[in-house]
Amino acid sequence: MPLVVGYTNNEQVLAYMETTSGQNPEGGLSPENFETMITDEFTAAVQAPDDNSTCESKPEMVTNAVLFFYRPYPSTTNMTVFRDRYLDLQTEKNFAAGLTMLAGKVATRKATAFVYRFDYRPKTQPVAKDVPEWAGVPHMFELPFVWGLPYLMGAGTTQWIFNDKKMSDVMMAMVATFAKTGDPSLTSGTGSIKWEPYTQDNPRMLIIDKNVEMNEPDAVDYKALAFWNDYYPQVVMEATNNCCNITSTATTWRTASRSVCLSGAMATLALHRFWF
């Protein structure tokens, strides 16, 4: 059965804004807070051994790997750069990596998988009035367009502008076409959109923005997705498997890999011939 999965370009920005509590109008993150937030998160992700265990954990291996990959280079003190790198980490780790792994696995089983990234910000006010421009598109901001909310009529409802209605037309048409045929590409009056399948050898995504088109090579950081899907589980395994008697490294590897995949797949929109 074919599959469609996708995510927005700044999935966890609302949680970030709540955490920082408006301390900086641009959401800036100091280098010190960047290091602290990542260290705290990934130290907690490494399970400590029991008191009677002969094992020892090395959470610093995990935090150092994540910091090395996401710390800005060349060195900078620009707080917006650290903000963006931290938010990239959260989207890529918790959503994009797991979803693309799922799509790749589906594709290897002779099924067709499609992946999108939703970058479109609604133009209607006050729909996004509490989300600043720098925040991009938060979690589930594609759903009003999927469900056709720009066409909702009634007393007291928001009057959506034409651009947003057009985006809703496109989203609903792709959903309907996928449910009917298993391919969300469009060749109708709504527009002509060729949505290429996602495979491990040719990992293409549909970027849904003012223009709806397949991604350019530099639009998606595929190396970051590989970091979470391929390298990070190995680091976690090494950080937690420092024991005198190691019984099942294969089980540890499978568990770590699965946790990365499911963290994204369970938390975002997945379509299996239907758009939930």
Protein backbone atom coordinates (compact mmCIF):
# COMPACT_ATOMS: atom_id res chain seq x y z
CA MET A 1 0.00 0.00 0.00
CA PRO A 2 1.32 3.50 -0.80
CA LEU A 3 2.15 5.94 1.96
CA VAL A 4 2.33 9.71 2.39
CA VAL A 5 4.11 11.29 5.36
CA GLY A 6 5.18 14.84 6.04
CA TYR A 7 6.15 17.51 8.50
CA THR A 8 6.34 21.28 8.80
CA ASN A 9 9.57 23.23 8.62
CA ASN A 10 9.65 24.20 12.31
CA GLU A 11 7.77 21.50 14.16
CA GLN A 12 8.58 22.36 17.77
CA VAL A 13 8.87 26.12 17.63
CA LEU A 14 5.73 26.75 19.72
CA ALA A 15 7.10 24.62 22.55
CA TYR A 16 10.39 26.50 22.23
CA MET A 17 8.62 29.86 22.43
CA GLU A 18 6.76 28.72 25.53
CA THR A 19 9.97 27.52 27.14
CA THR A 20 11.85 30.75 26.48
CA SER A 21 8.78 32.76 27.62
CA GLY A 22 9.44 35.71 25.35
CA GLN A 23 12.82 36.49 26.88
CA ASN A 24 13.97 37.67 23.47
CA PRO A 25 11.57 39.09 20.84
CA GLU A 26 13.45 37.23 18.12
CA GLY A 27 13.65 34.03 20.13
CA GLY A 28 17.41 34.30 20.27
CA LEU A 29 19.37 31.61 22.08
CA SER A 30 22.71 32.32 23.69
CA PRO A 31 25.62 29.96 23.01
CA GLU A 32 25.63 29.03 26.70
CA ASN A 33 21.92 28.16 26.75
CA PHE A 34 22.29 26.25 23.49
CA GLU A 35 24.95 24.03 25.04
CA THR A 36 23.00 23.62 28.29
CA MET A 37 19.70 22.71 26.66
CA ILE A 38 21.29 20.08 24.43
CA THR A 39 23.44 18.69 27.24
CA ASP A 40 20.45 18.36 29.58
CA GLU A 41 18.25 16.73 26.95
CA PHE A 42 20.73 14.15 25.73
CA THR A 43 22.24 13.36 29.10
CA ALA A 44 18.74 12.41 30.22
CA ALA A 45 18.35 10.23 27.11
CA VAL A 46 21.15 7.91 28.25
CA GLN A 47 19.88 5.43 30.79
CA ALA A 48 21.99 5.13 33.91
CA PRO A 49 22.97 1.59 34.96
CA ASP A 50 21.60 -0.01 38.11
CA ASP A 51 23.58 0.49 41.30
CA ASN A 52 24.66 -3.17 41.30
CA SER A 53 25.54 -3.22 37.61
CA THR A 54 29.04 -3.69 36.27
CA CYS A 55 28.16 -1.32 33.43
CA GLU A 56 28.81 2.37 33.15
CA SER A 57 27.09 4.91 30.93
CA LYS A 58 28.84 7.69 29.07
CA PRO A 59 26.24 10.36 28.28
CA GLU A 60 28.97 12.79 27.31
CA MET A 61 29.59 10.69 24.18
CA VAL A 62 26.03 11.39 23.06
CA THR A 63 25.97 15.08 23.96
CA ASN A 64 29.36 15.67 22.34
CA ALA A 65 28.21 14.04 19.11
CA VAL A 66 25.01 16.12 18.95
CA LEU A 67 26.83 19.34 19.84
CA PHE A 68 29.50 18.67 17.25
CA PHE A 69 26.91 18.21 14.52
CA TYR A 70 24.65 21.15 15.44
CA ARG A 71 27.04 23.72 16.87
CA PRO A 72 27.39 26.53 14.28
CA TYR A 73 30.59 26.64 12.24
CA PRO A 74 32.44 28.90 11.92
CA SER A 75 32.12 30.06 15.51
CA THR A 76 29.61 32.84 16.13
CA THR A 77 27.83 34.66 18.94
CA ASN A 78 24.74 35.36 16.84
CA MET A 79 21.80 34.27 19.00
CA THR A 80 19.45 33.79 16.05
CA VAL A 81 21.89 31.32 14.49
CA PHE A 82 21.92 29.25 17.69
CA ARG A 83 18.11 29.49 17.83
CA ASP A 84 17.78 28.17 14.30
CA ARG A 85 20.27 25.35 14.82
CA TYR A 86 18.46 24.24 17.97
CA LEU A 87 15.08 24.28 16.22
CA ASP A 88 16.54 22.40 13.23
CA LEU A 89 17.70 19.74 15.67
CA GLN A 90 14.24 19.34 17.15
CA THR A 91 12.47 19.08 13.78
CA GLU A 92 15.03 16.74 12.26
CA LYS A 93 15.36 14.45 15.28
CA ASN A 94 11.72 14.19 16.31
CA PHE A 95 9.95 14.30 12.95
CA ALA A 96 11.93 14.35 9.71
CA ALA A 97 14.37 11.54 10.49
CA GLY A 98 11.77 9.03 11.61
CA LEU A 99 9.38 9.83 8.79
CA THR A 100 11.98 9.55 6.07
CA MET A 101 13.23 6.29 7.55
CA LEU A 102 9.67 4.99 7.44
CA ALA A 103 9.23 6.13 3.84
CA GLY A 104 12.51 4.51 2.84
CA LYS A 105 11.55 1.19 4.45
CA VAL A 106 8.15 1.24 2.73
CA ALA A 107 9.84 1.90 -0.61
CA THR A 108 12.13 -1.11 -0.18
CA ARG A 109 9.06 -3.34 0.15
CA LYS A 110 7.89 -2.58 -3.38
CA ALA A 111 5.35 0.02 -2.18
CA THR A 112 5.33 3.71 -3.06
CA ALA A 113 6.10 6.38 -0.47
CA PHE A 114 5.73 10.14 -0.76
CA VAL A 115 7.20 12.74 1.61
CA TYR A 116 6.36 16.44 1.95
CA ARG A 117 7.60 19.38 3.97
CA PHE A 118 5.05 22.11 4.57
CA ASP A 119 6.65 25.58 4.47
CA TYR A 120 3.57 27.69 3.69
CA ARG A 121 2.57 30.33 6.24
CA PRO A 122 -1.10 31.40 6.11
CA LYS A 123 -1.50 34.94 4.82
CA THR A 124 -4.88 35.54 6.48
CA GLN A 125 -4.88 37.60 9.64
CA PRO A 126 -5.33 36.81 12.49
CA VAL A 127 -4.61 33.13 11.72
CA ALA A 128 -0.86 33.37 12.38
CA LYS A 129 -0.75 36.67 14.27
CA ASP A 130 0.79 35.07 17.37
CA VAL A 131 3.48 33.26 15.38
CA PRO A 132 6.32 35.60 14.35
CA GLU A 133 7.87 35.33 10.91
CA TRP A 134 11.11 33.88 12.29
CA ALA A 135 9.14 30.94 13.70
CA GLY A 136 8.33 29.56 10.24
CA VAL A 137 5.57 26.95 10.15
CA PRO A 138 4.84 25.15 13.44
CA HIS A 139 3.46 21.67 14.09
CA MET A 140 0.14 20.83 12.37
CA PHE A 141 -0.14 24.18 10.55
CA GLU A 142 -0.93 22.25 7.36
CA LEU A 143 -4.13 20.76 8.78
CA PRO A 144 -6.43 23.79 8.22
CA PHE A 145 -5.61 23.53 4.52
CA VAL A 146 -6.09 19.76 4.43
CA TRP A 147 -9.55 20.08 6.01
CA GLY A 148 -10.59 23.06 3.88
CA LEU A 149 -11.00 25.52 6.76
CA PRO A 150 -10.40 28.53 4.48
CA TYR A 151 -13.82 27.72 3.00
CA LEU A 152 -15.58 27.57 6.36
CA MET A 153 -18.48 29.99 6.31
CA GLY A 154 -20.62 31.31 9.14
CA ALA A 155 -21.12 34.15 11.53
CA GLY A 156 -17.94 35.20 13.27
CA THR A 157 -15.65 33.01 11.15
CA THR A 158 -12.39 34.31 9.75
CA GLN A 159 -12.55 35.57 6.17
CA TRP A 160 -9.63 33.80 4.52
CA ILE A 161 -7.84 35.50 1.63
CA PHE A 162 -7.55 34.07 -1.88
CA ASN A 163 -3.97 32.76 -1.52
CA ASP A 164 -4.92 30.61 1.46
CA LYS A 165 -8.00 29.27 -0.30
CA LYS A 166 -5.84 28.36 -3.27
CA MET A 167 -3.44 26.46 -1.01
CA SER A 168 -6.38 24.61 0.50
CA ASP A 169 -7.57 23.71 -3.02
CA VAL A 170 -4.17 22.17 -3.76
CA MET A 171 -3.92 20.26 -0.49
CA MET A 172 -7.44 18.86 -0.72
CA ALA A 173 -6.94 17.88 -4.37
CA MET A 174 -3.73 16.01 -3.56
CA VAL A 175 -5.42 14.22 -0.66
CA ALA A 176 -8.37 13.18 -2.81
CA THR A 177 -6.15 12.07 -5.69
CA PHE A 178 -3.96 10.01 -3.37
CA ALA A 179 -6.98 8.34 -1.73
CA LYS A 180 -8.35 7.47 -5.17
CA THR A 181 -5.25 6.45 -7.07
CA GLY A 182 -2.37 6.02 -4.62
CA ASP A 183 -0.47 8.87 -6.30
CA PRO A 184 -0.96 12.45 -5.02
CA SER A 185 0.36 14.09 -8.20
CA LEU A 186 -2.03 16.56 -9.86
CA THR A 187 -2.84 17.09 -13.51
CA SER A 188 -6.12 18.96 -13.11
CA GLY A 189 -7.51 22.48 -13.10
CA THR A 190 -6.10 22.92 -9.59
CA GLY A 191 -2.61 22.77 -11.05
CA SER A 192 -0.02 20.40 -12.42
CA ILE A 193 2.17 18.96 -9.65
CA LYS A 194 4.41 15.95 -10.21
CA TRP A 195 5.09 14.45 -6.79
CA GLU A 196 8.04 12.09 -7.13
CA PRO A 197 8.20 9.04 -4.82
CA TYR A 198 10.74 8.91 -1.98
CA THR A 199 13.32 6.13 -2.06
CA GLN A 200 16.52 5.52 -0.14
CA ASP A 201 18.54 5.96 -3.33
CA ASN A 202 16.59 9.01 -4.50
CA PRO A 203 15.20 10.77 -1.40
CA ARG A 204 12.95 13.46 -2.87
CA MET A 205 10.48 15.63 -0.96
CA LEU A 206 7.66 17.85 -2.11
CA ILE A 207 8.18 21.34 -0.67
CA ILE A 208 4.75 22.91 -0.16
CA ASP A 209 5.06 26.68 -0.13
CA LYS A 210 3.91 29.56 -2.34
CA ASN A 211 5.28 27.33 -5.08
CA VAL A 212 4.66 23.59 -4.72
CA GLU A 213 7.58 21.68 -6.19
CA MET A 214 10.11 18.95 -5.57
CA ASN A 215 13.01 20.01 -3.40
CA GLU A 216 16.23 21.43 -4.75
CA PRO A 217 19.38 19.58 -3.55
CA ASP A 218 20.16 22.12 -0.80
CA ALA A 219 16.58 22.53 0.47
CA VAL A 220 16.74 19.49 2.77
CA ASP A 221 19.65 18.56 5.03
CA TYR A 222 19.74 14.84 4.27
CA LYS A 223 23.00 14.49 6.18
CA ALA A 224 21.17 15.53 9.35
CA LEU A 225 18.55 12.84 8.73
CA ALA A 226 21.31 10.28 8.24
CA PHE A 227 22.90 11.47 11.49
CA TRP A 228 19.75 10.62 13.45
CA ASN A 229 18.86 7.44 11.60
CA ASP A 230 22.30 5.88 11.14
CA TYR A 231 24.95 7.43 13.38
CA TYR A 232 23.11 8.54 16.53
CA PRO A 233 21.87 5.01 17.41
CA GLN A 234 25.46 3.76 17.23
CA VAL A 235 26.61 6.51 19.61
CA VAL A 236 23.81 5.70 22.05
CA MET A 237 24.75 2.02 21.89
CA GLU A 238 28.39 2.79 22.66
CA ALA A 239 27.40 5.17 25.48
CA THR A 240 25.19 2.60 27.20
CA ASN A 241 26.93 -0.71 26.46
CA ASN A 242 30.09 -0.28 28.51
CA CYS A 243 29.65 -3.52 30.45
CA CYS A 244 31.80 -6.40 31.56
CA ASN A 245 29.28 -8.80 30.03
CA ILE A 246 27.56 -7.61 26.86
CA THR A 247 24.79 -9.99 25.91
CA SER A 248 22.92 -8.49 23.01
CA THR A 249 24.32 -5.56 21.10
CA ALA A 250 22.03 -6.42 18.20
CA THR A 251 18.97 -5.95 20.41
CA THR A 252 20.30 -2.62 21.67
CA TRP A 253 20.90 -1.45 18.11
CA ARG A 254 17.40 -2.39 17.00
CA THR A 255 15.83 -0.70 20.01
CA ALA A 256 17.77 2.54 19.53
CA SER A 257 17.01 2.66 15.83
CA ARG A 258 13.33 1.98 16.39
CA SER A 259 13.02 4.75 18.97
CA VAL A 260 14.33 7.33 16.50
CA CYS A 261 11.91 6.18 13.79
CA LEU A 262 8.79 5.99 15.93
CA SER A 263 9.37 9.30 17.70
CA GLY A 264 8.60 11.05 14.44
CA ALA A 265 6.16 8.59 12.91
CA MET A 266 3.82 8.60 15.88
CA ALA A 267 3.88 12.35 16.40
CA THR A 268 3.05 13.66 12.96
CA LEU A 269 0.75 13.15 10.03
CA ALA A 270 0.88 9.76 8.27
CA LEU A 271 -1.22 8.76 5.31
CA HIS A 272 -1.83 5.20 4.25
CA ARG A 273 -4.18 5.71 1.35
CA PHE A 274 -6.09 8.00 3.73
CA TRP A 275 -5.17 11.36 5.21
CA PHE A 276 -5.75 11.09 8.95
